[in-house]
Amino acid sequence: MDEFVVNDVVNGVPLSLISSYGVFSKKKLDLGTRMLLENIVLPEEGVVADIGCGYGPIGIYIALKNPNLKIYMIDIDKKAVYLAEKNVKRYKLENRVIVIRNNILENLDIQLNGAYSNPPLKAGKEFIEKLAQQSYERLLHNGVLEVVVYKGEKNVLDIFGKYFNEVKIVKRAKGYSIILAVKN
């Protein structure tokens, strides 16, 4: 398998992640993920999930940014899970980062303080609907769901609004929107 190393620094946190063909943004950190990380709302402690983790930039960043968090990195794609596991080992984070091959949060019995995602465009409204519903069911009081979307802001706001009382746009730039929902 051809592998690359994606090197970047976000908010002073250096990232050096192994990537490969067949995963999203394989050779560099994409603008949407960067925007999400630059505007991420993290709990002080607890358990969070990186949903659709790919090779792991969001989950690894969260782990490096806040050592008080346990992180589930979840993806349905076999190659993404393989690369995410490799990156968790690379950073020696196995004691608090768990990589799982799964569809969103289906059949996972976990309670979360936060859930984060840069969902694939091709996943569409059905993915956003499941993400909102399954996150809402597993988020604790004051838990957050934060996503980045590209040109799909209204759909996400409408869907999140069905589950969450508090939904807001944190940032907009170059067609991307960072949307935060809080479970009250």
Protein backbone atom coordinates (compact mmCIF):
# COMPACT_ATOMS: atom_id res chain seq x y z
CA MET A 1 0.00 0.00 0.00
CA ASP A 2 1.41 3.40 -0.98
CA GLU A 3 1.47 5.62 2.07
CA PHE A 4 2.03 9.33 2.53
CA VAL A 5 2.66 11.45 5.59
CA VAL A 6 0.37 14.44 6.02
CA ASN A 7 2.19 17.11 8.04
CA ASP A 8 0.43 20.21 9.32
CA VAL A 9 0.07 22.42 12.38
CA VAL A 10 -3.35 23.51 13.65
CA ASN A 11 -3.66 25.89 16.61
CA GLY A 12 -0.08 25.09 17.55
CA VAL A 13 -0.71 21.32 17.51
CA PRO A 14 1.65 19.53 15.11
CA LEU A 15 0.08 16.70 13.13
CA SER A 16 2.06 14.05 11.26
CA LEU A 17 -0.36 11.42 10.01
CA ILE A 18 -0.01 8.38 7.77
CA SER A 19 -2.44 8.39 4.85
CA SER A 20 -2.91 6.49 1.60
CA TYR A 21 -4.95 6.26 -1.60
CA GLY A 22 -8.65 5.63 -1.14
CA VAL A 23 -9.19 7.93 1.85
CA PHE A 24 -10.47 11.50 1.86
CA SER A 25 -7.90 14.29 1.65
CA LYS A 26 -5.07 11.79 1.45
CA LYS A 27 -2.16 14.15 0.83
CA LYS A 28 -3.01 17.22 2.90
CA LEU A 29 -5.41 18.42 5.55
CA ASP A 30 -8.50 19.75 3.75
CA LEU A 31 -9.88 23.22 4.42
CA GLY A 32 -13.12 21.93 6.00
CA THR A 33 -11.28 19.77 8.55
CA ARG A 34 -8.88 22.63 9.31
CA MET A 35 -11.82 24.98 9.91
CA LEU A 36 -13.50 22.46 12.19
CA LEU A 37 -10.32 21.97 14.22
CA GLU A 38 -9.68 25.72 14.45
CA ASN A 39 -13.22 26.22 15.82
CA ILE A 40 -13.73 23.00 17.76
CA VAL A 41 -15.66 23.15 21.04
CA LEU A 42 -14.17 20.50 23.31
CA PRO A 43 -15.39 19.44 26.74
CA GLU A 44 -12.86 19.71 29.57
CA GLU A 45 -13.14 15.96 30.21
CA GLY A 46 -15.19 12.93 29.27
CA VAL A 47 -15.76 10.90 26.12
CA VAL A 48 -16.01 12.13 22.53
CA ALA A 49 -16.35 10.57 19.08
CA ASP A 50 -14.82 11.39 15.72
CA ILE A 51 -17.44 10.03 13.33
CA GLY A 52 -16.23 9.18 9.83
CA CYS A 53 -12.68 9.54 11.12
CA GLY A 54 -10.83 8.67 7.91
CA TYR A 55 -7.13 8.33 8.69
CA GLY A 56 -7.70 10.28 11.90
CA PRO A 57 -6.88 14.01 11.76
CA ILE A 58 -9.84 15.09 13.92
CA GLY A 59 -9.54 12.36 16.56
CA ILE A 60 -5.75 12.61 16.82
CA TYR A 61 -5.94 16.41 17.07
CA ILE A 62 -8.54 16.14 19.86
CA ALA A 63 -6.37 13.61 21.72
CA LEU A 64 -3.32 15.88 21.49
CA LYS A 65 -5.29 19.03 22.34
CA ASN A 66 -6.97 17.61 25.46
CA PRO A 67 -5.36 14.70 27.35
CA ASN A 68 -8.44 14.47 29.64
CA LEU A 69 -10.62 13.04 26.87
CA LYS A 70 -11.26 9.45 25.82
CA ILE A 71 -11.86 9.33 22.08
CA TYR A 72 -13.72 6.90 19.84
CA MET A 73 -12.62 7.17 16.22
CA ILE A 74 -15.28 5.57 14.01
CA ASP A 75 -15.38 4.83 10.30
CA ILE A 76 -17.15 2.28 8.14
CA ASP A 77 -14.26 2.00 5.68
CA LYS A 78 -11.71 -0.77 6.32
CA LYS A 79 -8.74 1.18 4.96
CA ALA A 80 -9.63 4.27 7.00
CA VAL A 81 -9.81 2.18 10.18
CA TYR A 82 -6.44 0.56 9.38
CA LEU A 83 -4.79 3.97 8.87
CA ALA A 84 -6.48 5.50 11.93
CA GLU A 85 -5.20 2.62 14.08
CA LYS A 86 -1.73 3.13 12.65
CA ASN A 87 -1.85 6.84 13.55
CA VAL A 88 -3.11 6.14 17.07
CA LYS A 89 -0.11 3.80 17.58
CA ARG A 90 2.22 6.36 15.98
CA TYR A 91 1.24 8.83 18.71
CA LYS A 92 1.09 6.16 21.46
CA LEU A 93 -2.54 7.04 22.26
CA GLU A 94 -3.89 3.46 22.55
CA ASN A 95 -4.70 3.97 26.25
CA ARG A 96 -7.47 6.50 25.47
CA VAL A 97 -8.23 6.37 21.75
CA ILE A 98 -10.31 3.48 20.44
CA VAL A 99 -10.72 2.94 16.70
CA ILE A 100 -13.90 1.13 15.66
CA ARG A 101 -15.20 0.03 12.27
CA ASN A 102 -18.85 0.95 12.45
CA ASN A 103 -21.65 2.85 10.72
CA ILE A 104 -21.95 6.17 12.58
CA LEU A 105 -22.89 5.24 16.19
CA GLU A 106 -25.11 2.23 15.41
CA ASN A 107 -25.23 -0.39 18.16
CA LEU A 108 -22.58 1.39 20.24
CA ASP A 109 -23.52 1.66 23.89
CA ILE A 110 -21.56 4.78 24.78
CA GLN A 111 -22.41 8.11 26.38
CA LEU A 112 -20.68 11.11 24.83
CA ASN A 113 -19.77 14.63 25.83
CA GLY A 114 -19.05 15.52 22.21
CA ALA A 115 -19.28 14.21 18.66
CA TYR A 116 -17.43 15.64 15.67
CA SER A 117 -17.59 14.95 11.95
CA ASN A 118 -16.53 16.12 8.54
CA PRO A 119 -19.10 13.99 6.71
CA PRO A 120 -18.45 12.97 3.10
CA LEU A 121 -20.50 14.93 0.56
CA LYS A 122 -21.68 11.71 -1.05
CA ALA A 123 -23.23 10.56 2.25
CA GLY A 124 -26.01 13.10 1.77
CA LYS A 125 -29.01 13.93 3.94
CA GLU A 126 -29.52 10.36 5.13
CA PHE A 127 -26.10 10.37 6.82
CA ILE A 128 -26.78 13.76 8.45
CA GLU A 129 -30.18 12.53 9.70
CA LYS A 130 -28.62 9.40 11.26
CA LEU A 131 -25.70 11.40 12.65
CA ALA A 132 -28.07 13.88 14.34
CA GLN A 133 -30.41 11.21 15.72
CA GLN A 134 -27.72 8.80 16.95
CA SER A 135 -25.59 11.60 18.42
CA TYR A 136 -28.58 13.11 20.21
CA GLU A 137 -29.41 9.72 21.76
CA ARG A 138 -25.86 9.27 23.07
CA LEU A 139 -24.93 12.81 24.08
CA LEU A 140 -25.06 13.70 27.74
CA HIS A 141 -26.66 16.96 28.95
CA ASN A 142 -24.73 19.91 27.44
CA GLY A 143 -23.01 17.54 25.00
CA VAL A 144 -22.14 18.96 21.60
CA LEU A 145 -22.34 17.77 18.01
CA GLU A 146 -20.09 19.80 15.73
CA VAL A 147 -19.77 19.26 11.99
CA VAL A 148 -18.31 20.92 8.94
CA VAL A 149 -20.41 20.98 5.79
CA TYR A 150 -19.73 22.21 2.30
CA LYS A 151 -22.65 24.07 0.70
CA GLY A 152 -25.25 22.06 2.62
CA GLU A 153 -25.80 24.40 5.53
CA LYS A 154 -29.59 24.77 5.32
CA ASN A 155 -30.21 21.01 5.20
CA VAL A 156 -27.98 20.42 8.22
CA LEU A 157 -29.58 23.26 10.20
CA ASP A 158 -33.06 21.89 9.44
CA ILE A 159 -32.13 18.32 10.40
CA PHE A 160 -30.22 19.29 13.55
CA GLY A 161 -33.12 21.55 14.55
CA LYS A 162 -35.41 18.50 14.72
CA TYR A 163 -33.29 17.05 17.53
CA PHE A 164 -31.45 19.91 19.23
CA ASN A 165 -32.84 23.11 20.79
CA GLU A 166 -29.59 25.01 20.33
CA VAL A 167 -28.08 24.97 16.83
CA LYS A 168 -25.77 27.67 15.52
CA ILE A 169 -23.27 28.45 12.81
CA VAL A 170 -19.86 28.95 14.37
CA LYS A 171 -18.03 30.01 11.20
CA ARG A 172 -18.48 30.31 7.44
CA ALA A 173 -15.73 30.54 4.84
CA LYS A 174 -15.26 29.52 1.18
CA GLY A 175 -18.50 27.51 1.00
CA TYR A 176 -17.85 25.69 4.31
CA SER A 177 -19.93 26.06 7.46
CA ILE A 178 -19.05 24.89 10.96
CA ILE A 179 -22.31 23.98 12.70
CA LEU A 180 -22.63 23.37 16.43
CA ALA A 181 -25.59 21.71 18.15
CA VAL A 182 -25.89 21.50 21.94
CA LYS A 183 -28.07 19.01 23.80
CA ASN A 184 -29.86 20.90 26.59
